């Protein structure tokens, strides 16, 4: 494998990104802790450290099941995370994770072209797996 010229910085960045995984029990928890907790908070109540700086209050993700008649709304949550859901005229502060995951898959594919595993070959599968892992973790936060 060829390391880029910025290998020490890349290695630091690599370990900084993986640090939450050391405490995570699943890929979904890792994704949540590294991408969602800043706005939605540790327990999903919308009280993350940057929530007060947003133009809209982040959703209380611990009440998704309660607010949907006792059924966890997998398809709706998927569409919101992926970025295809119609969330109204007010727009959104939340990133479009489908786009971000697709861009990440492309970067990984470009960087690791020497490896047999190439997530860029199945970008839709990569995106779907990341989003579904977050959804699985969100289901564990219900009514906390």
C-alpha atoms as a PDB file:
ATOM      1  CA  UNK A   1       0.000   0.000   0.000  1.00  0.00           C
ATOM      2  CA  UNK A   2       1.292   3.441  -0.878  1.00  0.00           C
ATOM      3  CA  UNK A   3       0.965   5.998   1.897  1.00  0.00           C
ATOM      4  CA  UNK A   4       0.319   9.591   0.928  1.00  0.00           C
ATOM      5  CA  UNK A   5       2.892  12.276   1.659  1.00  0.00           C
ATOM      6  CA  UNK A   6       0.733  13.430   4.555  1.00  0.00           C
ATOM      7  CA  UNK A   7       0.795   9.991   6.207  1.00  0.00           C
ATOM      8  CA  UNK A   8       1.408  11.256   9.788  1.00  0.00           C
ATOM      9  CA  UNK A   9      -1.527  13.676   9.538  1.00  0.00           C
ATOM     10  CA  UNK A  10      -3.693  11.051   7.840  1.00  0.00           C
ATOM     11  CA  UNK A  11      -2.795   8.492  10.494  1.00  0.00           C
ATOM     12  CA  UNK A  12      -3.714  10.952  13.239  1.00  0.00           C
ATOM     13  CA  UNK A  13      -6.994  11.742  11.503  1.00  0.00           C
ATOM     14  CA  UNK A  14      -7.664   8.030  11.051  1.00  0.00           C
ATOM     15  CA  UNK A  15      -7.242   7.318  14.758  1.00  0.00           C
ATOM     16  CA  UNK A  16      -9.191  10.422  15.762  1.00  0.00           C
ATOM     17  CA  UNK A  17     -12.127   9.236  13.653  1.00  0.00           C
ATOM     18  CA  UNK A  18     -11.914   5.727  15.096  1.00  0.00           C
ATOM     19  CA  UNK A  19     -11.674   6.874  18.731  1.00  0.00           C
ATOM     20  CA  UNK A  20     -15.471   6.736  19.271  1.00  0.00           C
ATOM     21  CA  UNK A  21     -15.470   3.143  17.971  1.00  0.00           C
ATOM     22  CA  UNK A  22     -13.354   2.054  20.943  1.00  0.00           C
ATOM     23  CA  UNK A  23     -16.382   2.777  23.155  1.00  0.00           C
ATOM     24  CA  UNK A  24     -19.059   1.819  20.639  1.00  0.00           C
ATOM     25  CA  UNK A  25     -20.768  -1.543  20.629  1.00  0.00           C
ATOM     26  CA  UNK A  26     -21.883  -1.443  16.992  1.00  0.00           C
ATOM     27  CA  UNK A  27     -21.313   0.333  13.711  1.00  0.00           C
ATOM     28  CA  UNK A  28     -24.585   2.185  14.273  1.00  0.00           C
ATOM     29  CA  UNK A  29     -23.456   3.474  17.649  1.00  0.00           C
ATOM     30  CA  UNK A  30     -20.125   4.507  16.135  1.00  0.00           C
ATOM     31  CA  UNK A  31     -21.909   6.383  13.347  1.00  0.00           C
ATOM     32  CA  UNK A  32     -24.251   8.032  15.841  1.00  0.00           C
ATOM     33  CA  UNK A  33     -21.440   9.082  18.187  1.00  0.00           C
ATOM     34  CA  UNK A  34     -19.257  10.413  15.386  1.00  0.00           C
ATOM     35  CA  UNK A  35     -21.959  12.116  13.307  1.00  0.00           C
ATOM     36  CA  UNK A  36     -25.192  12.683  15.244  1.00  0.00           C
ATOM     37  CA  UNK A  37     -24.475  13.181  18.938  1.00  0.00           C
ATOM     38  CA  UNK A  38     -23.246  16.761  18.442  1.00  0.00           C
ATOM     39  CA  UNK A  39     -26.781  17.878  17.625  1.00  0.00           C
ATOM     40  CA  UNK A  40     -29.066  15.142  18.949  1.00  0.00           C
ATOM     41  CA  UNK A  41     -27.179  14.434  22.191  1.00  0.00           C
ATOM     42  CA  UNK A  42     -26.066  11.216  23.876  1.00  0.00           C
ATOM     43  CA  UNK A  43     -29.608   9.959  24.426  1.00  0.00           C
ATOM     44  CA  UNK A  44     -31.125  11.400  21.237  1.00  0.00           C
ATOM     45  CA  UNK A  45     -33.221  14.070  22.947  1.00  0.00           C
ATOM     46  CA  UNK A  46     -31.972  16.918  20.730  1.00  0.00           C
ATOM     47  CA  UNK A  47     -29.752  18.393  23.427  1.00  0.00           C
ATOM     48  CA  UNK A  48     -26.296  17.980  21.894  1.00  0.00           C
ATOM     49  CA  UNK A  49     -23.567  20.565  22.512  1.00  0.00           C
ATOM     50  CA  UNK A  50     -24.182  22.442  19.241  1.00  0.00           C
ATOM     51  CA  UNK A  51     -27.999  22.283  19.324  1.00  0.00           C
ATOM     52  CA  UNK A  52     -28.362  25.822  20.644  1.00  0.00           C
ATOM     53  CA  UNK A  53     -26.443  27.188  17.655  1.00  0.00           C
ATOM     54  CA  UNK A  54     -28.802  25.710  15.067  1.00  0.00           C
ATOM     55  CA  UNK A  55     -31.710  27.546  13.471  1.00  0.00           C
ATOM     56  CA  UNK A  56     -34.023  24.599  14.226  1.00  0.00           C
ATOM     57  CA  UNK A  57     -34.137  22.499  17.369  1.00  0.00           C
ATOM     58  CA  UNK A  58     -32.885  18.970  16.557  1.00  0.00           C
ATOM     59  CA  UNK A  59     -35.528  16.274  16.692  1.00  0.00           C
ATOM     60  CA  UNK A  60     -35.976  14.225  19.856  1.00  0.00           C
ATOM     61  CA  UNK A  61     -34.953  10.873  18.421  1.00  0.00           C
ATOM     62  CA  UNK A  62     -35.888   9.027  21.620  1.00  0.00           C
ATOM     63  CA  UNK A  63     -39.578   9.570  20.859  1.00  0.00           C
ATOM     64  CA  UNK A  64     -39.726   8.303  17.272  1.00  0.00           C
ATOM     65  CA  UNK A  65     -41.668   5.174  18.258  1.00  0.00           C
ATOM     66  CA  UNK A  66     -43.972   7.045  20.649  1.00  0.00           C
ATOM     67  CA  UNK A  67     -44.711   9.690  18.023  1.00  0.00           C
ATOM     68  CA  UNK A  68     -45.525   6.988  15.458  1.00  0.00           C
ATOM     69  CA  UNK A  69     -48.202   5.064  17.366  1.00  0.00           C
ATOM     70  CA  UNK A  70     -45.795   2.624  19.007  1.00  0.00           C
ATOM     71  CA  UNK A  71     -44.071   1.534  15.787  1.00  0.00           C
ATOM     72  CA  UNK A  72     -40.530   2.579  14.952  1.00  0.00           C
ATOM     73  CA  UNK A  73     -40.783   4.431  11.576  1.00  0.00           C
ATOM     74  CA  UNK A  74     -37.873   2.765   9.753  1.00  0.00           C
ATOM     75  CA  UNK A  75     -38.739   3.993   6.250  1.00  0.00           C
ATOM     76  CA  UNK A  76     -39.349   7.603   7.339  1.00  0.00           C
ATOM     77  CA  UNK A  77     -36.150   7.709   9.407  1.00  0.00           C
ATOM     78  CA  UNK A  78     -34.208   6.206   6.498  1.00  0.00           C
ATOM     79  CA  UNK A  79     -35.520   8.877   4.115  1.00  0.00           C
ATOM     80  CA  UNK A  80     -34.715  11.699   6.551  1.00  0.00           C
ATOM     81  CA  UNK A  81     -31.148  10.484   7.114  1.00  0.00           C
ATOM     82  CA  UNK A  82     -30.585   9.735   3.435  1.00  0.00           C
ATOM     83  CA  UNK A  83     -31.953  13.142   2.477  1.00  0.00           C
ATOM     84  CA  UNK A  84     -34.909  12.200   0.273  1.00  0.00           C
ATOM     85  CA  UNK A  85     -37.693  12.908   2.801  1.00  0.00           C
ATOM     86  CA  UNK A  86     -39.922  15.919   2.339  1.00  0.00           C
ATOM     87  CA  UNK A  87     -39.434  17.702   5.639  1.00  0.00           C
ATOM     88  CA  UNK A  88     -41.417  20.815   4.874  1.00  0.00           C
ATOM     89  CA  UNK A  89     -40.821  24.340   3.732  1.00  0.00           C
ATOM     90  CA  UNK A  90     -38.490  25.297   6.565  1.00  0.00           C
ATOM     91  CA  UNK A  91     -35.530  23.360   5.229  1.00  0.00           C
ATOM     92  CA  UNK A  92     -33.099  21.541   7.450  1.00  0.00           C
ATOM     93  CA  UNK A  93     -29.916  22.005   9.428  1.00  0.00           C
ATOM     94  CA  UNK A  94     -29.192  18.270   9.330  1.00  0.00           C
ATOM     95  CA  UNK A  95     -26.658  17.171   6.714  1.00  0.00           C
ATOM     96  CA  UNK A  96     -27.792  15.014   3.834  1.00  0.00           C
ATOM     97  CA  UNK A  97     -26.039  11.832   4.953  1.00  0.00           C
ATOM     98  CA  UNK A  98     -26.800   9.948   1.738  1.00  0.00           C
ATOM     99  CA  UNK A  99     -24.689  12.461  -0.170  1.00  0.00           C
ATOM    100  CA  UNK A 100     -21.950  12.403   2.473  1.00  0.00           C
ATOM    101  CA  UNK A 101     -21.793   8.605   2.508  1.00  0.00           C
ATOM    102  CA  UNK A 102     -21.641   8.495  -1.309  1.00  0.00           C
ATOM    103  CA  UNK A 103     -18.791  11.015  -1.266  1.00  0.00           C
ATOM    104  CA  UNK A 104     -17.028   9.006   1.443  1.00  0.00           C
ATOM    105  CA  UNK A 105     -17.363   5.808  -0.618  1.00  0.00           C
ATOM    106  CA  UNK A 106     -15.816   7.589  -3.607  1.00  0.00           C
ATOM    107  CA  UNK A 107     -12.891   8.861  -1.518  1.00  0.00           C
ATOM    108  CA  UNK A 108     -12.303   5.409  -0.055  1.00  0.00           C
ATOM    109  CA  UNK A 109     -12.446   3.846  -3.513  1.00  0.00           C
ATOM    110  CA  UNK A 110      -9.931   6.362  -4.890  1.00  0.00           C
ATOM    111  CA  UNK A 111      -7.575   6.063  -1.929  1.00  0.00           C
ATOM    112  CA  UNK A 112      -7.605   2.279  -1.616  1.00  0.00           C
ATOM    113  CA  UNK A 113      -7.601   1.185  -5.247  1.00  0.00           C
ATOM    114  CA  UNK A 114      -5.002  -1.516  -4.486  1.00  0.00           C
ATOM    115  CA  UNK A 115      -7.379  -3.451  -2.185  1.00  0.00           C
ATOM    116  CA  UNK A 116      -9.884  -6.045  -3.331  1.00  0.00           C
ATOM    117  CA  UNK A 117     -12.567  -4.536  -1.091  1.00  0.00           C
ATOM    118  CA  UNK A 118     -13.732  -1.421  -2.832  1.00  0.00           C
ATOM    119  CA  UNK A 119     -16.854   0.177  -1.328  1.00  0.00           C
ATOM    120  CA  UNK A 120     -17.032   2.376  -4.404  1.00  0.00           C
ATOM    121  CA  UNK A 121     -18.106  -0.639  -6.438  1.00  0.00           C
ATOM    122  CA  UNK A 122     -21.334  -0.881  -4.483  1.00  0.00           C
ATOM    123  CA  UNK A 123     -21.913   2.673  -3.379  1.00  0.00           C
ATOM    124  CA  UNK A 124     -25.641   2.173  -2.855  1.00  0.00           C
ATOM    125  CA  UNK A 125     -24.966  -0.845  -0.653  1.00  0.00           C
ATOM    126  CA  UNK A 126     -22.386   1.111   1.334  1.00  0.00           C
ATOM    127  CA  UNK A 127     -24.819   4.000   1.865  1.00  0.00           C
ATOM    128  CA  UNK A 128     -27.677   1.659   2.766  1.00  0.00           C
ATOM    129  CA  UNK A 129     -25.530  -0.246   5.299  1.00  0.00           C
ATOM    130  CA  UNK A 130     -24.361   2.940   7.031  1.00  0.00           C
ATOM    131  CA  UNK A 131     -27.874   4.386   7.273  1.00  0.00           C
ATOM    132  CA  UNK A 132     -29.445   1.123   8.432  1.00  0.00           C
ATOM    133  CA  UNK A 133     -26.778   0.766  11.100  1.00  0.00           C
ATOM    134  CA  UNK A 134     -27.699   4.210  12.463  1.00  0.00           C
ATOM    135  CA  UNK A 135     -31.388   3.299  12.367  1.00  0.00           C
ATOM    136  CA  UNK A 136     -30.691   0.098  14.299  1.00  0.00           C
ATOM    137  CA  UNK A 137     -28.905   2.115  16.968  1.00  0.00           C
ATOM    138  CA  UNK A 138     -31.662   4.746  17.088  1.00  0.00           C
ATOM    139  CA  UNK A 139     -34.154   1.974  17.821  1.00  0.00           C
ATOM    140  CA  UNK A 140     -32.249   1.304  21.069  1.00  0.00           C
ATOM    141  CA  UNK A 141     -32.679   4.925  22.186  1.00  0.00           C
ATOM    142  CA  UNK A 142     -36.461   4.861  22.182  1.00  0.00           C
ATOM    143  CA  UNK A 143     -38.162   6.243  25.308  1.00  0.00           C
ATOM    144  CA  UNK A 144     -34.877   6.940  27.115  1.00  0.00           C
END
